[in-house]
C-alpha cells in the first residue's frame, strides 16, 4: 500500500505489524507510535506498529481490509517522528483526516 499510494515519507522498514486475538475493543485495527521519550531512552529511530484485531479484521473482505490499513497509515505524519496524526476536521482550505483517507482509498481502489 505504501508504495502503490506513493506515501514516500513512510519508512516501511520501521513499520511493524501485530495481530491481536480476544480483544474487547470496537476497533478493527490500531496504530501505535514509538514516542520521543522511548526513542531517546532506547536509542532507536521512530517506529510504528499497526495492530489488527483478528476477530474483526479477518472477517472483512480484501477491499475493506485495505481501507482499514489506509486509515491507520494516514495517522503517520509526514515527519515520521513517532507521533500520530489525530482525527481532525478540515482546516481552512486544507483537507481533513477523513478527506485524506477517502482520497487514498479512491486512488487505491
PDB file of N, CA and C in Angstrom:
ATOM      1  N   UNK A   1       0.818  -1.203   0.000  1.00  0.00           N
ATOM      2  CA  UNK A   1       0.000   0.000   0.000  1.00  0.00           C
ATOM      3  C   UNK A   1       0.857   1.260   0.000  1.00  0.00           C
ATOM      4  N   UNK A   2       1.919   1.254   0.791  1.00  0.00           N
ATOM      5  CA  UNK A   2       2.774   2.439   0.898  1.00  0.00           C
ATOM      6  C   UNK A   2       3.368   2.797  -0.457  1.00  0.00           C
ATOM      7  N   UNK A   3       3.875   1.811  -1.169  1.00  0.00           N
ATOM      8  CA  UNK A   3       4.463   2.072  -2.487  1.00  0.00           C
ATOM      9  C   UNK A   3       3.396   2.420  -3.509  1.00  0.00           C
ATOM     10  N   UNK A   4       2.306   1.673  -3.530  1.00  0.00           N
ATOM     11  CA  UNK A   4       1.244   1.915  -4.509  1.00  0.00           C
ATOM     12  C   UNK A   4       0.624   3.297  -4.366  1.00  0.00           C
ATOM     13  N   UNK A   5       0.546   3.799  -3.139  1.00  0.00           N
ATOM     14  CA  UNK A   5      -0.062   5.104  -2.895  1.00  0.00           C
ATOM     15  C   UNK A   5       0.967   6.228  -2.845  1.00  0.00           C
ATOM     16  N   UNK A   6       2.240   5.890  -3.073  1.00  0.00           N
ATOM     17  CA  UNK A   6       3.323   6.867  -3.072  1.00  0.00           C
ATOM     18  C   UNK A   6       3.390   7.645  -1.754  1.00  0.00           C
ATOM     19  N   UNK A   7       3.346   6.922  -0.646  1.00  0.00           N
ATOM     20  CA  UNK A   7       3.477   7.525   0.676  1.00  0.00           C
ATOM     21  C   UNK A   7       4.964   7.523   1.037  1.00  0.00           C
ATOM     22  N   UNK A   8       5.710   8.343   0.337  1.00  0.00           N
ATOM     23  CA  UNK A   8       7.177   8.298   0.370  1.00  0.00           C
ATOM     24  C   UNK A   8       7.782   8.625   1.732  1.00  0.00           C
ATOM     25  N   UNK A   9       7.068   9.307   2.607  1.00  0.00           N
ATOM     26  CA  UNK A   9       7.601   9.667   3.919  1.00  0.00           C
ATOM     27  C   UNK A   9       7.561   8.490   4.897  1.00  0.00           C
ATOM     28  N   UNK A  10       6.856   7.431   4.531  1.00  0.00           N
ATOM     29  CA  UNK A  10       6.738   6.282   5.433  1.00  0.00           C
ATOM     30  C   UNK A  10       7.900   5.327   5.186  1.00  0.00           C
ATOM     31  N   UNK A  11       8.698   5.133   6.229  1.00  0.00           N
ATOM     32  CA  UNK A  11       9.833   4.207   6.158  1.00  0.00           C
ATOM     33  C   UNK A  11       9.317   2.804   6.479  1.00  0.00           C
ATOM     34  N   UNK A  12       9.081   2.026   5.445  1.00  0.00           N
ATOM     35  CA  UNK A  12       8.464   0.711   5.650  1.00  0.00           C
ATOM     36  C   UNK A  12       9.309  -0.210   6.533  1.00  0.00           C
ATOM     37  N   UNK A  13      10.605   0.017   6.587  1.00  0.00           N
ATOM     38  CA  UNK A  13      11.455  -0.815   7.445  1.00  0.00           C
ATOM     39  C   UNK A  13      11.219  -0.518   8.926  1.00  0.00           C
ATOM     40  N   UNK A  14      10.515   0.583   9.229  1.00  0.00           N
ATOM     41  CA  UNK A  14      10.234   0.972  10.614  1.00  0.00           C
ATOM     42  C   UNK A  14       8.747   0.820  10.952  1.00  0.00           C
ATOM     43  N   UNK A  15       8.031   0.066  10.102  1.00  0.00           N
ATOM     44  CA  UNK A  15       6.621  -0.241  10.349  1.00  0.00           C
ATOM     45  C   UNK A  15       6.534  -1.723  10.688  1.00  0.00           C
ATOM     46  N   UNK A  16       5.906  -2.020  11.804  1.00  0.00           N
ATOM     47  CA  UNK A  16       5.772  -3.402  12.248  1.00  0.00           C
ATOM     48  C   UNK A  16       4.287  -3.741  12.327  1.00  0.00           C
ATOM     49  N   UNK A  17       3.970  -5.004  12.157  1.00  0.00           N
ATOM     50  CA  UNK A  17       2.567  -5.416  12.234  1.00  0.00           C
ATOM     51  C   UNK A  17       2.402  -6.433  13.353  1.00  0.00           C
ATOM     52  N   UNK A  18       1.221  -6.422  13.907  1.00  0.00           N
ATOM     53  CA  UNK A  18       0.916  -7.310  15.023  1.00  0.00           C
ATOM     54  C   UNK A  18      -0.546  -7.713  14.922  1.00  0.00           C
ATOM     55  N   UNK A  19      -0.829  -8.958  15.167  1.00  0.00           N
ATOM     56  CA  UNK A  19      -2.206  -9.463  15.130  1.00  0.00           C
ATOM     57  C   UNK A  19      -2.613  -9.814  16.560  1.00  0.00           C
ATOM     58  N   UNK A  20      -3.692  -9.186  17.035  1.00  0.00           N
ATOM     59  CA  UNK A  20      -4.199  -9.452  18.382  1.00  0.00           C
ATOM     60  C   UNK A  20      -5.432 -10.335  18.318  1.00  0.00           C
ATOM     61  N   UNK A  21      -5.604 -11.119  19.357  1.00  0.00           N
ATOM     62  CA  UNK A  21      -6.756 -12.004  19.474  1.00  0.00           C
ATOM     63  C   UNK A  21      -7.479 -11.716  20.783  1.00  0.00           C
ATOM     64  N   UNK A  22      -8.778 -11.919  20.791  1.00  0.00           N
ATOM     65  CA  UNK A  22      -9.604 -11.814  22.001  1.00  0.00           C
ATOM     66  C   UNK A  22      -9.569 -10.419  22.621  1.00  0.00           C
ATOM     67  N   UNK A  23      -9.481  -9.400  21.812  1.00  0.00           N
ATOM     68  CA  UNK A  23      -9.508  -8.030  22.310  1.00  0.00           C
ATOM     69  C   UNK A  23     -10.954  -7.575  22.442  1.00  0.00           C
ATOM     70  N   UNK A  24     -11.225  -6.757  23.432  1.00  0.00           N
ATOM     71  CA  UNK A  24     -12.594  -6.269  23.630  1.00  0.00           C
ATOM     72  C   UNK A  24     -12.833  -4.916  22.954  1.00  0.00           C
ATOM     73  N   UNK A  25     -11.864  -4.424  22.206  1.00  0.00           N
ATOM     74  CA  UNK A  25     -12.006  -3.134  21.535  1.00  0.00           C
ATOM     75  C   UNK A  25     -13.052  -3.192  20.427  1.00  0.00           C
ATOM     76  N   UNK A  26     -13.598  -2.034  20.088  1.00  0.00           N
ATOM     77  CA  UNK A  26     -14.536  -1.953  18.963  1.00  0.00           C
ATOM     78  C   UNK A  26     -13.794  -1.731  17.649  1.00  0.00           C
ATOM     79  N   UNK A  27     -12.508  -1.443  17.722  1.00  0.00           N
ATOM     80  CA  UNK A  27     -11.715  -1.122  16.530  1.00  0.00           C
ATOM     81  C   UNK A  27     -11.381  -2.379  15.728  1.00  0.00           C
ATOM     82  N   UNK A  28     -11.178  -2.185  14.426  1.00  0.00           N
ATOM     83  CA  UNK A  28     -10.703  -3.258  13.548  1.00  0.00           C
ATOM     84  C   UNK A  28      -9.179  -3.319  13.576  1.00  0.00           C
ATOM     85  N   UNK A  29      -8.563  -2.160  13.789  1.00  0.00           N
ATOM     86  CA  UNK A  29      -7.100  -2.063  13.834  1.00  0.00           C
ATOM     87  C   UNK A  29      -6.727  -0.810  14.616  1.00  0.00           C
ATOM     88  N   UNK A  30      -5.477  -0.772  15.050  1.00  0.00           N
ATOM     89  CA  UNK A  30      -4.954   0.400  15.764  1.00  0.00           C
ATOM     90  C   UNK A  30      -3.521   0.616  15.313  1.00  0.00           C
ATOM     91  N   UNK A  31      -3.082   1.848  15.446  1.00  0.00           N
ATOM     92  CA  UNK A  31      -1.677   2.141  15.169  1.00  0.00           C
ATOM     93  C   UNK A  31      -1.055   2.700  16.437  1.00  0.00           C
ATOM     94  N   UNK A  32       0.160   2.288  16.692  1.00  0.00           N
ATOM     95  CA  UNK A  32       0.899   2.726  17.870  1.00  0.00           C
ATOM     96  C   UNK A  32       2.198   3.366  17.398  1.00  0.00           C
ATOM     97  N   UNK A  33       2.507   4.532  17.914  1.00  0.00           N
ATOM     98  CA  UNK A  33       3.756   5.205  17.590  1.00  0.00           C
ATOM     99  C   UNK A  33       4.724   5.095  18.753  1.00  0.00           C
ATOM    100  N   UNK A  34       5.998   5.008  18.451  1.00  0.00           N
ATOM    101  CA  UNK A  34       7.027   4.978  19.492  1.00  0.00           C
ATOM    102  C   UNK A  34       7.359   6.422  19.851  1.00  0.00           C
ATOM    103  N   UNK A  35       6.929   6.847  21.018  1.00  0.00           N
ATOM    104  CA  UNK A  35       7.074   8.255  21.394  1.00  0.00           C
ATOM    105  C   UNK A  35       8.539   8.653  21.577  1.00  0.00           C
ATOM    106  N   UNK A  36       8.751   9.944  21.529  1.00  0.00           N
ATOM    107  CA  UNK A  36      10.099  10.515  21.573  1.00  0.00           C
ATOM    108  C   UNK A  36      10.878  10.065  22.812  1.00  0.00           C
ATOM    109  N   UNK A  37      10.218  10.017  23.958  1.00  0.00           N
ATOM    110  CA  UNK A  37      10.922   9.647  25.189  1.00  0.00           C
ATOM    111  C   UNK A  37      11.470   8.218  25.108  1.00  0.00           C
ATOM    112  N   UNK A  38      10.714   7.302  24.501  1.00  0.00           N
ATOM    113  CA  UNK A  38      11.194   5.926  24.330  1.00  0.00           C
ATOM    114  C   UNK A  38      12.306   5.862  23.284  1.00  0.00           C
ATOM    115  N   UNK A  39      12.196   6.667  22.236  1.00  0.00           N
ATOM    116  CA  UNK A  39      13.252   6.711  21.221  1.00  0.00           C
ATOM    117  C   UNK A  39      14.574   7.133  21.854  1.00  0.00           C
ATOM    118  N   UNK A  40      14.514   8.165  22.705  1.00  0.00           N
ATOM    119  CA  UNK A  40      15.727   8.655  23.362  1.00  0.00           C
ATOM    120  C   UNK A  40      16.262   7.638  24.368  1.00  0.00           C
ATOM    121  N   UNK A  41      15.378   7.079  25.180  1.00  0.00           N
ATOM    122  CA  UNK A  41      15.801   6.130  26.212  1.00  0.00           C
ATOM    123  C   UNK A  41      16.398   4.861  25.611  1.00  0.00           C
ATOM    124  N   UNK A  42      15.804   4.395  24.523  1.00  0.00           N
ATOM    125  CA  UNK A  42      16.252   3.146  23.905  1.00  0.00           C
ATOM    126  C   UNK A  42      17.258   3.352  22.780  1.00  0.00           C
ATOM    127  N   UNK A  43      17.509   4.627  22.460  1.00  0.00           N
ATOM    128  CA  UNK A  43      18.427   4.995  21.378  1.00  0.00           C
ATOM    129  C   UNK A  43      18.037   4.312  20.071  1.00  0.00           C
ATOM    130  N   UNK A  44      16.764   4.484  19.700  1.00  0.00           N
ATOM    131  CA  UNK A  44      16.243   3.922  18.456  1.00  0.00           C
ATOM    132  C   UNK A  44      15.558   5.017  17.649  1.00  0.00           C
ATOM    133  N   UNK A  45      15.372   4.727  16.377  1.00  0.00           N
ATOM    134  CA  UNK A  45      14.686   5.652  15.482  1.00  0.00           C
ATOM    135  C   UNK A  45      13.174   5.522  15.667  1.00  0.00           C
ATOM    136  N   UNK A  46      12.409   6.504  15.162  1.00  0.00           N
ATOM    137  CA  UNK A  46      10.945   6.408  15.231  1.00  0.00           C
ATOM    138  C   UNK A  46      10.448   5.133  14.554  1.00  0.00           C
ATOM    139  N   UNK A  47       9.376   4.591  15.100  1.00  0.00           N
ATOM    140  CA  UNK A  47       8.777   3.370  14.553  1.00  0.00           C
ATOM    141  C   UNK A  47       7.288   3.367  14.861  1.00  0.00           C
ATOM    142  N   UNK A  48       6.569   2.544  14.122  1.00  0.00           N
ATOM    143  CA  UNK A  48       5.124   2.401  14.298  1.00  0.00           C
ATOM    144  C   UNK A  48       4.754   0.931  14.256  1.00  0.00           C
ATOM    145  N   UNK A  49       3.712   0.576  14.990  1.00  0.00           N
ATOM    146  CA  UNK A  49       3.156  -0.774  14.964  1.00  0.00           C
ATOM    147  C   UNK A  49       1.698  -0.654  14.548  1.00  0.00           C
ATOM    148  N   UNK A  50       1.321  -1.396  13.524  1.00  0.00           N
ATOM    149  CA  UNK A  50      -0.086  -1.488  13.141  1.00  0.00           C
ATOM    150  C   UNK A  50      -0.593  -2.817  13.681  1.00  0.00           C
ATOM    151  N   UNK A  51      -1.565  -2.716  14.570  1.00  0.00           N
ATOM    152  CA  UNK A  51      -2.159  -3.886  15.213  1.00  0.00           C
ATOM    153  C   UNK A  51      -3.531  -4.132  14.597  1.00  0.00           C
ATOM    154  N   UNK A  52      -3.745  -5.326  14.092  1.00  0.00           N
ATOM    155  CA  UNK A  52      -5.079  -5.682  13.600  1.00  0.00           C
ATOM    156  C   UNK A  52      -5.730  -6.606  14.624  1.00  0.00           C
ATOM    157  N   UNK A  53      -7.027  -6.408  14.815  1.00  0.00           N
ATOM    158  CA  UNK A  53      -7.792  -7.214  15.760  1.00  0.00           C
ATOM    159  C   UNK A  53      -8.396  -8.367  14.969  1.00  0.00           C
ATOM    160  N   UNK A  54      -7.849  -9.542  15.144  1.00  0.00           N
ATOM    161  CA  UNK A  54      -8.137 -10.689  14.285  1.00  0.00           C
ATOM    162  C   UNK A  54      -9.627 -10.978  14.124  1.00  0.00           C
ATOM    163  N   UNK A  55     -10.369 -11.006  15.219  1.00  0.00           N
ATOM    164  CA  UNK A  55     -11.785 -11.371  15.148  1.00  0.00           C
ATOM    165  C   UNK A  55     -12.595 -10.414  14.273  1.00  0.00           C
ATOM    166  N   UNK A  56     -12.183  -9.182  14.203  1.00  0.00           N
ATOM    167  CA  UNK A  56     -12.926  -8.194  13.414  1.00  0.00           C
ATOM    168  C   UNK A  56     -12.311  -7.999  12.034  1.00  0.00           C
ATOM    169  N   UNK A  57     -11.006  -7.825  11.991  1.00  0.00           N
ATOM    170  CA  UNK A  57     -10.304  -7.538  10.739  1.00  0.00           C
ATOM    171  C   UNK A  57     -10.413  -8.701   9.753  1.00  0.00           C
ATOM    172  N   UNK A  58     -10.254  -9.914  10.243  1.00  0.00           N
ATOM    173  CA  UNK A  58     -10.244 -11.090   9.363  1.00  0.00           C
ATOM    174  C   UNK A  58     -11.587 -11.341   8.679  1.00  0.00           C
ATOM    175  N   UNK A  59     -12.668 -10.832   9.247  1.00  0.00           N
ATOM    176  CA  UNK A  59     -13.998 -11.019   8.647  1.00  0.00           C
ATOM    177  C   UNK A  59     -14.243 -10.085   7.466  1.00  0.00           C
ATOM    178  N   UNK A  60     -13.410  -9.057   7.334  1.00  0.00           N
ATOM    179  CA  UNK A  60     -13.579  -8.093   6.243  1.00  0.00           C
ATOM    180  C   UNK A  60     -13.055  -8.665   4.934  1.00  0.00           C
ATOM    181  N   UNK A  61     -13.643  -8.237   3.816  1.00  0.00           N
ATOM    182  CA  UNK A  61     -13.081  -8.631   2.525  1.00  0.00           C
ATOM    183  C   UNK A  61     -11.815  -7.803   2.274  1.00  0.00           C
ATOM    184  N   UNK A  62     -11.066  -8.154   1.251  1.00  0.00           N
ATOM    185  CA  UNK A  62      -9.773  -7.512   0.982  1.00  0.00           C
ATOM    186  C   UNK A  62      -9.902  -6.001   0.814  1.00  0.00           C
ATOM    187  N   UNK A  63     -10.937  -5.559   0.133  1.00  0.00           N
ATOM    188  CA  UNK A  63     -11.153  -4.126  -0.097  1.00  0.00           C
ATOM    189  C   UNK A  63     -11.321  -3.383   1.231  1.00  0.00           C
ATOM    190  N   UNK A  64     -12.122  -3.933   2.123  1.00  0.00           N
ATOM    191  CA  UNK A  64     -12.352  -3.296   3.423  1.00  0.00           C
ATOM    192  C   UNK A  64     -11.100  -3.361   4.298  1.00  0.00           C
ATOM    193  N   UNK A  65     -10.355  -4.453   4.217  1.00  0.00           N
ATOM    194  CA  UNK A  65      -9.095  -4.539   4.962  1.00  0.00           C
ATOM    195  C   UNK A  65      -8.130  -3.455   4.496  1.00  0.00           C
ATOM    196  N   UNK A  66      -8.047  -3.260   3.183  1.00  0.00           N
ATOM    197  CA  UNK A  66      -7.185  -2.203   2.646  1.00  0.00           C
ATOM    198  C   UNK A  66      -7.621  -0.833   3.150  1.00  0.00           C
ATOM    199  N   UNK A  67      -8.922  -0.588   3.204  1.00  0.00           N
ATOM    200  CA  UNK A  67      -9.432   0.693   3.710  1.00  0.00           C
ATOM    201  C   UNK A  67      -9.000   0.915   5.157  1.00  0.00           C
ATOM    202  N   UNK A  68      -9.112  -0.135   5.961  1.00  0.00           N
ATOM    203  CA  UNK A  68      -8.722  -0.038   7.370  1.00  0.00           C
ATOM    204  C   UNK A  68      -7.231   0.265   7.484  1.00  0.00           C
ATOM    205  N   UNK A  69      -6.404  -0.432   6.711  1.00  0.00           N
ATOM    206  CA  UNK A  69      -4.957  -0.208   6.772  1.00  0.00           C
ATOM    207  C   UNK A  69      -4.590   1.184   6.271  1.00  0.00           C
ATOM    208  N   UNK A  70      -5.254   1.653   5.231  1.00  0.00           N
ATOM    209  CA  UNK A  70      -5.004   3.010   4.735  1.00  0.00           C
ATOM    210  C   UNK A  70      -5.347   4.017   5.822  1.00  0.00           C
ATOM    211  N   UNK A  71      -6.467   3.816   6.491  1.00  0.00           N
ATOM    212  CA  UNK A  71      -6.862   4.702   7.588  1.00  0.00           C
ATOM    213  C   UNK A  71      -5.750   4.771   8.640  1.00  0.00           C
ATOM    214  N   UNK A  72      -5.205   3.621   9.004  1.00  0.00           N
ATOM    215  CA  UNK A  72      -4.138   3.604  10.011  1.00  0.00           C
ATOM    216  C   UNK A  72      -2.878   4.296   9.492  1.00  0.00           C
ATOM    217  N   UNK A  73      -2.530   4.088   8.227  1.00  0.00           N
ATOM    218  CA  UNK A  73      -1.338   4.726   7.658  1.00  0.00           C
ATOM    219  C   UNK A  73      -1.457   6.244   7.629  1.00  0.00           C
ATOM    220  N   UNK A  74      -2.668   6.769   7.460  1.00  0.00           N
ATOM    221  CA  UNK A  74      -2.862   8.227   7.431  1.00  0.00           C
ATOM    222  C   UNK A  74      -2.539   8.844   8.791  1.00  0.00           C
ATOM    223  N   UNK A  75      -2.544   8.056   9.849  1.00  0.00           N
ATOM    224  CA  UNK A  75      -2.167   8.561  11.170  1.00  0.00           C
ATOM    225  C   UNK A  75      -0.670   8.867  11.261  1.00  0.00           C
ATOM    226  N   UNK A  76       0.126   8.369  10.324  1.00  0.00           N
ATOM    227  CA  UNK A  76       1.573   8.608  10.359  1.00  0.00           C
ATOM    228  C   UNK A  76       1.853   9.968   9.724  1.00  0.00           C
ATOM    229  N   UNK A  77       2.388  10.917  10.502  1.00  0.00           N
ATOM    230  CA  UNK A  77       2.638  12.252   9.947  1.00  0.00           C
ATOM    231  C   UNK A  77       3.823  12.251   8.984  1.00  0.00           C
ATOM    232  N   UNK A  78       3.875  13.273   8.144  1.00  0.00           N
ATOM    233  CA  UNK A  78       4.954  13.362   7.152  1.00  0.00           C
ATOM    234  C   UNK A  78       6.324  13.530   7.790  1.00  0.00           C
ATOM    235  N   UNK A  79       6.375  13.885   9.064  1.00  0.00           N
ATOM    236  CA  UNK A  79       7.653  13.990   9.775  1.00  0.00           C
ATOM    237  C   UNK A  79       8.190  12.622  10.198  1.00  0.00           C
ATOM    238  N   UNK A  80       7.352  11.599  10.157  1.00  0.00           N
ATOM    239  CA  UNK A  80       7.704  10.245  10.595  1.00  0.00           C
ATOM    240  C   UNK A  80       8.477  10.301  11.922  1.00  0.00           C
ATOM    241  N   UNK A  81       7.880  10.975  12.898  1.00  0.00           N
ATOM    242  CA  UNK A  81       8.544  11.260  14.166  1.00  0.00           C
ATOM    243  C   UNK A  81       8.224  10.275  15.282  1.00  0.00           C
ATOM    244  N   UNK A  82       7.280   9.394  15.052  1.00  0.00           N
ATOM    245  CA  UNK A  82       6.819   8.508  16.114  1.00  0.00           C
ATOM    246  C   UNK A  82       5.506   8.985  16.710  1.00  0.00           C
ATOM    247  N   UNK A  83       5.133  10.218  16.408  1.00  0.00           N
ATOM    248  CA  UNK A  83       3.850  10.739  16.885  1.00  0.00           C
ATOM    249  C   UNK A  83       2.744  10.279  15.944  1.00  0.00           C
ATOM    250  N   UNK A  84       1.511  10.599  16.296  1.00  0.00           N
ATOM    251  CA  UNK A  84       0.363  10.197  15.490  1.00  0.00           C
ATOM    252  C   UNK A  84      -0.467  11.411  15.109  1.00  0.00           C
ATOM    253  N   UNK A  85      -0.941  11.427  13.876  1.00  0.00           N
ATOM    254  CA  UNK A  85      -1.835  12.486  13.419  1.00  0.00           C
ATOM    255  C   UNK A  85      -3.245  12.162  13.913  1.00  0.00           C
ATOM    256  N   UNK A  86      -3.906  13.135  14.534  1.00  0.00           N
ATOM    257  CA  UNK A  86      -5.250  12.884  15.077  1.00  0.00           C
ATOM    258  C   UNK A  86      -6.339  12.965  14.018  1.00  0.00           C
ATOM    259  N   UNK A  87      -7.531  12.572  14.396  1.00  0.00           N
ATOM    260  CA  UNK A  87      -8.718  12.714  13.541  1.00  0.00           C
ATOM    261  C   UNK A  87      -9.203  14.148  13.662  1.00  0.00           C
ATOM    262  N   UNK A  88      -8.612  15.050  12.907  1.00  0.00           N
ATOM    263  CA  UNK A  88      -9.043  16.446  12.988  1.00  0.00           C
ATOM    264  C   UNK A  88      -9.913  16.786  11.803  1.00  0.00           C
ATOM    265  N   UNK A  89     -10.753  17.752  12.017  1.00  0.00           N
ATOM    266  CA  UNK A  89     -11.577  18.227  10.918  1.00  0.00           C
ATOM    267  C   UNK A  89     -10.743  19.131  10.043  1.00  0.00           C
ATOM    268  N   UNK A  90     -11.266  19.407   8.900  1.00  0.00           N
ATOM    269  CA  UNK A  90     -10.523  20.191   7.927  1.00  0.00           C
ATOM    270  C   UNK A  90     -10.273  21.606   8.439  1.00  0.00           C
ATOM    271  N   UNK A  91      -9.094  22.093   8.150  1.00  0.00           N
ATOM    272  CA  UNK A  91      -8.742  23.483   8.448  1.00  0.00           C
ATOM    273  C   UNK A  91      -8.989  24.293   7.195  1.00  0.00           C
ATOM    274  N   UNK A  92      -9.006  25.562   7.310  1.00  0.00           N
ATOM    275  CA  UNK A  92      -9.314  26.445   6.181  1.00  0.00           C
ATOM    276  C   UNK A  92      -8.602  26.032   4.902  1.00  0.00           C
ATOM    277  N   UNK A  93      -9.377  25.517   3.975  1.00  0.00           N
ATOM    278  CA  UNK A  93      -8.834  25.186   2.665  1.00  0.00           C
ATOM    279  C   UNK A  93      -7.982  23.934   2.594  1.00  0.00           C
ATOM    280  N   UNK A  94      -7.757  23.286   3.728  1.00  0.00           N
ATOM    281  CA  UNK A  94      -6.924  22.080   3.735  1.00  0.00           C
ATOM    282  C   UNK A  94      -7.789  20.862   4.010  1.00  0.00           C
ATOM    283  N   UNK A  95      -7.498  19.761   3.349  1.00  0.00           N
ATOM    284  CA  UNK A  95      -8.311  18.561   3.589  1.00  0.00           C
ATOM    285  C   UNK A  95      -8.108  18.033   5.007  1.00  0.00           C
ATOM    286  N   UNK A  96      -9.172  17.511   5.592  1.00  0.00           N
ATOM    287  CA  UNK A  96      -9.097  16.916   6.915  1.00  0.00           C
ATOM    288  C   UNK A  96      -8.661  15.466   6.845  1.00  0.00           C
ATOM    289  N   UNK A  97      -8.593  14.847   7.990  1.00  0.00           N
ATOM    290  CA  UNK A  97      -8.138  13.463   8.101  1.00  0.00           C
ATOM    291  C   UNK A  97      -8.968  12.528   7.224  1.00  0.00           C
ATOM    292  N   UNK A  98     -10.279  12.578   7.381  1.00  0.00           N
ATOM    293  CA  UNK A  98     -11.145  11.676   6.614  1.00  0.00           C
ATOM    294  C   UNK A  98     -11.095  11.976   5.122  1.00  0.00           C
ATOM    295  N   UNK A  99     -10.875  13.242   4.752  1.00  0.00           N
ATOM    296  CA  UNK A  99     -10.717  13.591   3.334  1.00  0.00           C
ATOM    297  C   UNK A  99      -9.481  12.911   2.752  1.00  0.00           C
ATOM    298  N   UNK A 100      -8.385  12.915   3.528  1.00  0.00           N
ATOM    299  CA  UNK A 100      -7.150  12.266   3.065  1.00  0.00           C
ATOM    300  C   UNK A 100      -7.345  10.756   2.939  1.00  0.00           C
ATOM    301  N   UNK A 101      -8.040  10.164   3.915  1.00  0.00           N
ATOM    302  CA  UNK A 101      -8.312   8.719   3.850  1.00  0.00           C
ATOM    303  C   UNK A 101      -9.129   8.407   2.603  1.00  0.00           C
ATOM    304  N   UNK A 102     -10.192   9.158   2.388  1.00  0.00           N
ATOM    305  CA  UNK A 102     -11.080   8.927   1.239  1.00  0.00           C
ATOM    306  C   UNK A 102     -10.321   9.068  -0.079  1.00  0.00           C
ATOM    307  N   UNK A 103      -9.456  10.081  -0.168  1.00  0.00           N
ATOM    308  CA  UNK A 103      -8.670  10.287  -1.388  1.00  0.00           C
ATOM    309  C   UNK A 103      -7.748   9.095  -1.656  1.00  0.00           C
ATOM    310  N   UNK A 104      -7.060   8.628  -0.632  1.00  0.00           N
ATOM    311  CA  UNK A 104      -6.146   7.492  -0.806  1.00  0.00           C
ATOM    312  C   UNK A 104      -6.898   6.206  -1.137  1.00  0.00           C
ATOM    313  N   UNK A 105      -8.030   5.993  -0.503  1.00  0.00           N
ATOM    314  CA  UNK A 105      -8.836   4.799  -0.801  1.00  0.00           C
ATOM    315  C   UNK A 105      -9.279   4.838  -2.253  1.00  0.00           C
ATOM    316  N   UNK A 106      -9.749   5.991  -2.713  1.00  0.00           N
ATOM    317  CA  UNK A 106     -10.183   6.122  -4.113  1.00  0.00           C
ATOM    318  C   UNK A 106      -9.030   5.894  -5.082  1.00  0.00           C
ATOM    319  N   UNK A 107      -7.840   6.376  -4.738  1.00  0.00           N
ATOM    320  CA  UNK A 107      -6.670   6.158  -5.595  1.00  0.00           C
ATOM    321  C   UNK A 107      -6.284   4.686  -5.632  1.00  0.00           C
ATOM    322  N   UNK A 108      -6.424   4.012  -4.498  1.00  0.00           N
ATOM    323  CA  UNK A 108      -6.021   2.603  -4.405  1.00  0.00           C
ATOM    324  C   UNK A 108      -7.024   1.676  -5.085  1.00  0.00           C
ATOM    325  N   UNK A 109      -8.303   1.965  -4.897  1.00  0.00           N
ATOM    326  CA  UNK A 109      -9.334   1.073  -5.422  1.00  0.00           C
ATOM    327  C   UNK A 109      -9.771   1.583  -6.768  1.00  0.00           C
TER     328      UNK A 109
END
